[in-house]
C-alpha atoms as a PDB file:
ATOM      1  CA  MET A   1    -118.052 -57.293 -83.195  1.00  0.00           C
ATOM      2  CA  SER A   2    -116.930 -53.659 -83.299  1.00  0.00           C
ATOM      3  CA  TYR A   3    -115.261 -52.020 -86.267  1.00  0.00           C
ATOM      4  CA  ARG A   4    -112.068 -51.469 -84.270  1.00  0.00           C
ATOM      5  CA  ILE A   5    -111.715 -55.127 -83.225  1.00  0.00           C
ATOM      6  CA  LEU A   6    -112.586 -56.536 -86.635  1.00  0.00           C
ATOM      7  CA  LYS A   7    -110.221 -54.092 -88.329  1.00  0.00           C
ATOM      8  CA  ARG A   8    -107.396 -55.294 -86.081  1.00  0.00           C
ATOM      9  CA  ILE A   9    -108.127 -58.900 -87.043  1.00  0.00           C
ATOM     10  CA  ILE A  10    -108.050 -57.944 -90.726  1.00  0.00           C
ATOM     11  CA  ASP A  11    -104.789 -56.066 -90.166  1.00  0.00           C
ATOM     12  CA  VAL A  12    -103.118 -59.108 -88.597  1.00  0.00           C
ATOM     13  CA  LEU A  13    -104.393 -61.546 -91.231  1.00  0.00           C
ATOM     14  CA  GLY A  14    -103.596 -59.201 -94.116  1.00  0.00           C
ATOM     15  CA  ALA A  15    -100.094 -58.321 -92.902  1.00  0.00           C
ATOM     16  CA  SER A  16     -99.296 -61.973 -92.177  1.00  0.00           C
ATOM     17  CA  ALA A  17    -100.425 -63.035 -95.645  1.00  0.00           C
ATOM     18  CA  ALA A  18     -98.431 -60.236 -97.291  1.00  0.00           C
ATOM     19  CA  ILE A  19     -95.266 -61.201 -95.421  1.00  0.00           C
ATOM     20  CA  LEU A  20     -95.620 -64.870 -96.403  1.00  0.00           C
ATOM     21  CA  ILE A  21     -96.261 -64.001-100.066  1.00  0.00           C
ATOM     22  CA  PHE A  22     -93.488 -61.439-100.461  1.00  0.00           C
ATOM     23  CA  LEU A  23     -90.841 -62.952 -98.198  1.00  0.00           C
ATOM     24  CA  PRO A  24     -88.948 -64.691-101.068  1.00  0.00           C
ATOM     25  CA  PHE A  25     -88.766 -61.379-102.966  1.00  0.00           C
ATOM     26  CA  ALA A  26     -87.661 -59.613 -99.791  1.00  0.00           C
ATOM     27  CA  LEU A  27     -84.617 -61.854 -99.588  1.00  0.00           C
ATOM     28  CA  PHE A  28     -83.527 -60.822-103.095  1.00  0.00           C
ATOM     29  CA  ILE A  29     -84.111 -57.150-102.267  1.00  0.00           C
ATOM     30  CA  ALA A  30     -82.036 -57.460 -99.098  1.00  0.00           C
ATOM     31  CA  VAL A  31     -79.106 -58.995-100.994  1.00  0.00           C
ATOM     32  CA  ALA A  32     -79.337 -56.346-103.733  1.00  0.00           C
ATOM     33  CA  ILE A  33     -79.283 -53.510-101.180  1.00  0.00           C
ATOM     34  CA  LYS A  34     -76.277 -54.969 -99.410  1.00  0.00           C
ATOM     35  CA  LEU A  35     -74.324 -55.457-102.641  1.00  0.00           C
ATOM     36  CA  ASP A  36     -75.243 -52.027-104.022  1.00  0.00           C
ATOM     37  CA  SER A  37     -74.008 -49.739-101.237  1.00  0.00           C
ATOM     38  CA  PRO A  38     -72.575 -49.849 -97.712  1.00  0.00           C
ATOM     39  CA  GLY A  39     -75.015 -49.567 -94.849  1.00  0.00           C
ATOM     40  CA  PRO A  40     -77.865 -51.497 -93.214  1.00  0.00           C
ATOM     41  CA  ILE A  41     -80.547 -53.363 -95.165  1.00  0.00           C
ATOM     42  CA  PHE A  42     -83.349 -51.805 -93.140  1.00  0.00           C
ATOM     43  CA  VAL A  43     -83.891 -48.306 -91.768  1.00  0.00           C
ATOM     44  CA  LYS A  44     -86.118 -47.189 -88.926  1.00  0.00           C
ATOM     45  CA  LEU A  45     -87.824 -43.881 -89.656  1.00  0.00           C
ATOM     46  CA  GLU A  46     -89.377 -41.830 -86.862  1.00  0.00           C
ATOM     47  CA  ARG A  47     -93.070 -41.273 -87.453  1.00  0.00           C
ATOM     48  CA  ILE A  48     -96.167 -40.402 -85.429  1.00  0.00           C
ATOM     49  CA  SER A  49     -99.039 -42.882 -85.047  1.00  0.00           C
ATOM     50  CA  ASN A  50    -101.653 -43.106 -82.306  1.00  0.00           C
ATOM     51  CA  GLY A  51    -100.266 -39.887 -80.875  1.00  0.00           C
ATOM     52  CA  LYS A  52     -96.802 -41.272 -80.182  1.00  0.00           C
ATOM     53  CA  LYS A  53     -93.471 -41.737 -81.918  1.00  0.00           C
ATOM     54  CA  ILE A  54     -92.858 -45.075 -83.578  1.00  0.00           C
ATOM     55  CA  SER A  55     -90.082 -46.482 -85.748  1.00  0.00           C
ATOM     56  CA  VAL A  56     -91.422 -47.343 -89.184  1.00  0.00           C
ATOM     57  CA  TYR A  57     -89.428 -50.069 -90.913  1.00  0.00           C
ATOM     58  CA  LYS A  58     -88.393 -49.743 -94.549  1.00  0.00           C
ATOM     59  CA  PHE A  59     -85.805 -51.213 -96.866  1.00  0.00           C
ATOM     60  CA  ARG A  60     -82.950 -48.729 -97.137  1.00  0.00           C
ATOM     61  CA  SER A  61     -83.251 -46.881-100.440  1.00  0.00           C
ATOM     62  CA  MET A  62     -80.795 -44.074 -99.705  1.00  0.00           C
ATOM     63  CA  ILE A  63     -77.134 -43.821 -98.832  1.00  0.00           C
ATOM     64  CA  ASP A  64     -76.257 -44.536 -95.225  1.00  0.00           C
ATOM     65  CA  GLY A  65     -76.740 -41.384 -93.124  1.00  0.00           C
ATOM     66  CA  ALA A  66     -79.071 -39.740 -95.659  1.00  0.00           C
ATOM     67  CA  HIS A  67     -81.088 -37.989 -92.955  1.00  0.00           C
ATOM     68  CA  GLN A  68     -78.006 -36.201 -91.631  1.00  0.00           C
ATOM     69  CA  ILE A  69     -77.446 -34.387 -94.946  1.00  0.00           C
ATOM     70  CA  LYS A  70     -81.095 -33.468 -95.460  1.00  0.00           C
ATOM     71  CA  THR A  71     -80.573 -29.868 -94.335  1.00  0.00           C
ATOM     72  CA  THR A  72     -77.775 -29.349 -96.871  1.00  0.00           C
ATOM     73  CA  LEU A  73     -80.227 -30.219 -99.651  1.00  0.00           C
ATOM     74  CA  ALA A  74     -82.999 -27.926 -98.445  1.00  0.00           C
ATOM     75  CA  TYR A  75     -82.488 -25.599-101.419  1.00  0.00           C
ATOM     76  CA  LEU A  76     -83.592 -28.459-103.725  1.00  0.00           C
ATOM     77  CA  ASN A  77     -86.853 -29.052-101.881  1.00  0.00           C
ATOM     78  CA  GLU A  78     -89.762 -28.871-104.339  1.00  0.00           C
ATOM     79  CA  ARG A  79     -92.397 -28.595-101.613  1.00  0.00           C
ATOM     80  CA  LYS A  80     -92.973 -24.947-100.702  1.00  0.00           C
ATOM     81  CA  ASP A  81     -96.523 -25.235 -99.332  1.00  0.00           C
ATOM     82  CA  GLY A  82     -95.751 -26.824 -95.967  1.00  0.00           C
ATOM     83  CA  PRO A  83     -93.240 -28.833 -93.925  1.00  0.00           C
ATOM     84  CA  PHE A  84     -92.854 -31.673 -96.430  1.00  0.00           C
ATOM     85  CA  PHE A  85     -89.542 -32.465 -98.109  1.00  0.00           C
ATOM     86  CA  LYS A  86     -89.393 -33.820-101.644  1.00  0.00           C
ATOM     87  CA  ILE A  87     -86.734 -33.834-104.353  1.00  0.00           C
ATOM     88  CA  LYS A  88     -87.702 -35.391-107.691  1.00  0.00           C
ATOM     89  CA  ASN A  89     -84.221 -36.772-108.399  1.00  0.00           C
ATOM     90  CA  ASP A  90     -82.967 -37.074-104.841  1.00  0.00           C
ATOM     91  CA  PRO A  91     -79.163 -37.452-104.972  1.00  0.00           C
ATOM     92  CA  ARG A  92     -79.270 -39.538-101.787  1.00  0.00           C
ATOM     93  CA  LEU A  93     -81.038 -42.428-103.532  1.00  0.00           C
ATOM     94  CA  THR A  94     -78.932 -45.471-104.364  1.00  0.00           C
ATOM     95  CA  ARG A  95     -79.220 -47.362-107.650  1.00  0.00           C
ATOM     96  CA  ILE A  96     -81.253 -50.147-106.049  1.00  0.00           C
ATOM     97  CA  GLY A  97     -83.100 -47.539-104.015  1.00  0.00           C
ATOM     98  CA  LYS A  98     -84.462 -45.889-107.152  1.00  0.00           C
ATOM     99  CA  ILE A  99     -85.886 -49.218-108.308  1.00  0.00           C
ATOM    100  CA  ILE A 100     -87.498 -50.281-105.066  1.00  0.00           C
ATOM    101  CA  ARG A 101     -88.888 -46.770-104.526  1.00  0.00           C
ATOM    102  CA  LYS A 102     -90.409 -46.788-108.024  1.00  0.00           C
ATOM    103  CA  PHE A 103     -92.335 -49.980-107.287  1.00  0.00           C
ATOM    104  CA  ARG A 104     -92.933 -49.160-103.598  1.00  0.00           C
ATOM    105  CA  LEU A 105     -90.981 -52.249-102.546  1.00  0.00           C
ATOM    106  CA  ASP A 106     -89.132 -50.269 -99.889  1.00  0.00           C
ATOM    107  CA  GLU A 107     -92.349 -50.110 -97.875  1.00  0.00           C
ATOM    108  CA  PHE A 108     -92.788 -53.884 -97.553  1.00  0.00           C
ATOM    109  CA  PRO A 109     -91.271 -54.041 -94.018  1.00  0.00           C
ATOM    110  CA  GLN A 110     -94.089 -51.814 -92.751  1.00  0.00           C
ATOM    111  CA  PHE A 111     -96.205 -54.955 -92.467  1.00  0.00           C
ATOM    112  CA  ILE A 112     -94.087 -55.695 -89.398  1.00  0.00           C
ATOM    113  CA  ASN A 113     -95.353 -52.423 -87.908  1.00  0.00           C
ATOM    114  CA  VAL A 114     -98.892 -53.607 -88.616  1.00  0.00           C
ATOM    115  CA  LEU A 115     -98.296 -56.855 -86.728  1.00  0.00           C
ATOM    116  CA  LYS A 116     -96.851 -54.814 -83.835  1.00  0.00           C
ATOM    117  CA  ASN A 117    -100.118 -52.814 -83.777  1.00  0.00           C
ATOM    118  CA  GLU A 118     -98.252 -49.578 -84.562  1.00  0.00           C
ATOM    119  CA  LEU A 119     -99.799 -49.135 -88.004  1.00  0.00           C
ATOM    120  CA  SER A 120    -102.970 -50.299 -89.696  1.00  0.00           C
ATOM    121  CA  LEU A 121    -103.262 -51.515 -93.272  1.00  0.00           C
ATOM    122  CA  VAL A 122    -105.458 -48.477 -93.985  1.00  0.00           C
ATOM    123  CA  GLY A 123    -105.224 -45.169 -92.166  1.00  0.00           C
ATOM    124  CA  PRO A 124    -103.889 -41.603 -92.319  1.00  0.00           C
ATOM    125  CA  ARG A 125    -100.404 -41.136 -93.706  1.00  0.00           C
ATOM    126  CA  PRO A 126     -97.699 -41.516 -91.007  1.00  0.00           C
ATOM    127  CA  HIS A 127     -95.818 -38.224 -90.639  1.00  0.00           C
ATOM    128  CA  GLU A 128     -92.495 -37.157 -89.200  1.00  0.00           C
ATOM    129  CA  PRO A 129     -92.640 -35.396 -85.795  1.00  0.00           C
ATOM    130  CA  GLU A 130     -91.416 -32.150 -87.424  1.00  0.00           C
ATOM    131  CA  GLU A 131     -94.272 -32.310 -89.930  1.00  0.00           C
ATOM    132  CA  VAL A 132     -96.871 -32.971 -87.228  1.00  0.00           C
ATOM    133  CA  ALA A 133     -95.581 -29.964 -85.278  1.00  0.00           C
ATOM    134  CA  ALA A 134     -96.457 -27.818 -88.301  1.00  0.00           C
ATOM    135  CA  PHE A 135    -100.046 -29.090 -88.550  1.00  0.00           C
ATOM    136  CA  PRO A 136    -102.714 -26.383 -88.113  1.00  0.00           C
ATOM    137  CA  GLU A 137    -104.435 -26.586 -84.742  1.00  0.00           C
ATOM    138  CA  ASN A 138    -107.618 -28.011 -86.275  1.00  0.00           C
ATOM    139  CA  SER A 139    -105.610 -30.876 -87.818  1.00  0.00           C
ATOM    140  CA  GLN A 140    -103.591 -31.951 -84.775  1.00  0.00           C
ATOM    141  CA  HIS A 141    -106.082 -34.761 -84.070  1.00  0.00           C
ATOM    142  CA  ILE A 142    -104.893 -36.563 -87.216  1.00  0.00           C
ATOM    143  CA  ALA A 143    -101.672 -37.516 -85.433  1.00  0.00           C
ATOM    144  CA  ASP A 144    -103.722 -39.153 -82.668  1.00  0.00           C
ATOM    145  CA  ALA A 145    -105.170 -41.711 -85.086  1.00  0.00           C
ATOM    146  CA  LYS A 146    -103.433 -44.945 -86.024  1.00  0.00           C
ATOM    147  CA  ALA A 147    -101.591 -44.289 -89.272  1.00  0.00           C
ATOM    148  CA  GLY A 148    -101.783 -46.685 -92.206  1.00  0.00           C
ATOM    149  CA  VAL A 149     -99.581 -48.384 -94.780  1.00  0.00           C
ATOM    150  CA  THR A 150    -102.020 -46.958 -97.320  1.00  0.00           C
ATOM    151  CA  GLY A 151    -104.856 -44.475 -96.967  1.00  0.00           C
ATOM    152  CA  LEU A 152    -107.153 -41.947 -98.574  1.00  0.00           C
ATOM    153  CA  SER A 153    -104.464 -39.320 -99.061  1.00  0.00           C
ATOM    154  CA  GLN A 154    -101.943 -41.897-100.306  1.00  0.00           C
ATOM    155  CA  VAL A 155    -104.245 -43.054-103.141  1.00  0.00           C
ATOM    156  CA  ASN A 156    -105.249 -39.531-104.126  1.00  0.00           C
ATOM    157  CA  GLY A 157    -101.884 -38.028-104.951  1.00  0.00           C
ATOM    158  CA  ALA A 158     -99.600 -39.167-102.137  1.00  0.00           C
ATOM    159  CA  SER A 159     -96.726 -36.754-101.499  1.00  0.00           C
ATOM    160  CA  GLY A 160     -97.708 -34.691-104.533  1.00  0.00           C
ATOM    161  CA  LEU A 161    -100.816 -33.379-102.774  1.00  0.00           C
ATOM    162  CA  PRO A 162    -100.858 -29.846-101.388  1.00  0.00           C
ATOM    163  CA  PHE A 163    -100.161 -29.900 -97.659  1.00  0.00           C
ATOM    164  CA  LEU A 164    -103.615 -28.792 -96.532  1.00  0.00           C
ATOM    165  CA  LYS A 165    -105.373 -31.067 -99.049  1.00  0.00           C
ATOM    166  CA  GLU A 166    -103.579 -34.092 -97.646  1.00  0.00           C
ATOM    167  CA  LEU A 167    -104.661 -33.148 -94.139  1.00  0.00           C
ATOM    168  CA  GLU A 168    -108.207 -32.626 -95.404  1.00  0.00           C
ATOM    169  CA  LEU A 169    -108.346 -36.146 -96.858  1.00  0.00           C
ATOM    170  CA  ASP A 170    -106.901 -37.734 -93.728  1.00  0.00           C
ATOM    171  CA  ASP A 171    -109.391 -35.801 -91.613  1.00  0.00           C
ATOM    172  CA  TYR A 172    -112.237 -37.064 -93.812  1.00  0.00           C
ATOM    173  CA  TYR A 173    -111.043 -40.647 -93.405  1.00  0.00           C
ATOM    174  CA  ILE A 174    -110.854 -40.404 -89.624  1.00  0.00           C
ATOM    175  CA  LYS A 175    -114.376 -38.995 -89.410  1.00  0.00           C
ATOM    176  CA  ASN A 176    -115.882 -41.478 -91.892  1.00  0.00           C
ATOM    177  CA  GLN A 177    -114.080 -44.749 -91.185  1.00  0.00           C
ATOM    178  CA  SER A 178    -115.921 -47.839 -92.353  1.00  0.00           C
ATOM    179  CA  PHE A 179    -115.205 -51.216 -93.897  1.00  0.00           C
ATOM    180  CA  GLY A 180    -116.657 -49.917 -97.145  1.00  0.00           C
ATOM    181  CA  LEU A 181    -114.235 -46.987 -97.266  1.00  0.00           C
ATOM    182  CA  ASP A 182    -111.306 -49.205 -96.230  1.00  0.00           C
ATOM    183  CA  PHE A 183    -112.170 -51.670 -99.015  1.00  0.00           C
ATOM    184  CA  LYS A 184    -112.348 -48.913-101.646  1.00  0.00           C
ATOM    185  CA  ILE A 185    -108.960 -47.547-100.553  1.00  0.00           C
ATOM    186  CA  PHE A 186    -107.434 -51.032-100.577  1.00  0.00           C
ATOM    187  CA  LEU A 187    -108.727 -51.758-104.083  1.00  0.00           C
ATOM    188  CA  LYS A 188    -107.521 -48.388-105.378  1.00  0.00           C
ATOM    189  CA  THR A 189    -104.111 -49.088-103.828  1.00  0.00           C
ATOM    190  CA  LEU A 190    -103.873 -52.379-105.734  1.00  0.00           C
ATOM    191  CA  VAL A 191    -104.920 -50.726-109.001  1.00  0.00           C
ATOM    192  CA  ILE A 192    -102.293 -48.002-108.596  1.00  0.00           C
ATOM    193  CA  LEU A 193     -99.571 -50.486-107.627  1.00  0.00           C
ATOM    194  CA  PHE A 194    -100.170 -52.508-110.782  1.00  0.00           C
ATOM    195  CA  THR A 195    -100.635 -49.558-113.125  1.00  0.00           C
ATOM    196  CA  ASP A 196     -98.710 -46.609-111.680  1.00  0.00           C
ATOM    197  CA  PRO A 197     -96.766 -47.533-108.514  1.00  0.00           C
ATOM    198  CA  THR A 198     -95.335 -44.010-108.252  1.00  0.00           C
ATOM    199  CA  GLY A 199     -98.858 -42.768-107.596  1.00  0.00           C
ATOM    200  CA  VAL A 200     -99.133 -44.193-104.077  1.00  0.00           C
END
């Protein structure tokens, strides 16, 4: 059986198990989000995976319409080395949003994307179309790969990595994919989640 087929089977089994295990907690998170601030429980964020735009599902951690005011907060952006946008104490975060972001709980709905075959459990980081447009020419192929819920760049600094370093790690993963590498990334993800969830 090929790596691609077996990886898809692992993706489906892993995502299904995760959804069954965390579903009770998801219900509490959904209620907390709804009681904390007006707006939907889930958001759909435009990302690139497999060379096309997809909607990545997440629990809403920001005020409703946060994306529309992103440009007005550009002066607070701490990332000056590329197209990424990051504010340490983002004023758009809700009270519940800060908590679920801290423990990466907002990303739980992405397992639905895995079941839909839009994401893999392990793969390059899914980027916004505007970020992909700013990729150097020799890194454009990264957007053609299936992105992952976790990946080599995510467990080695996540959004704190320099722009080109993140692309370098994702490029390495694409060119050296294997079950061994996937397993190492998965284990490192678990270690970080239980010791320093902000590090993924």
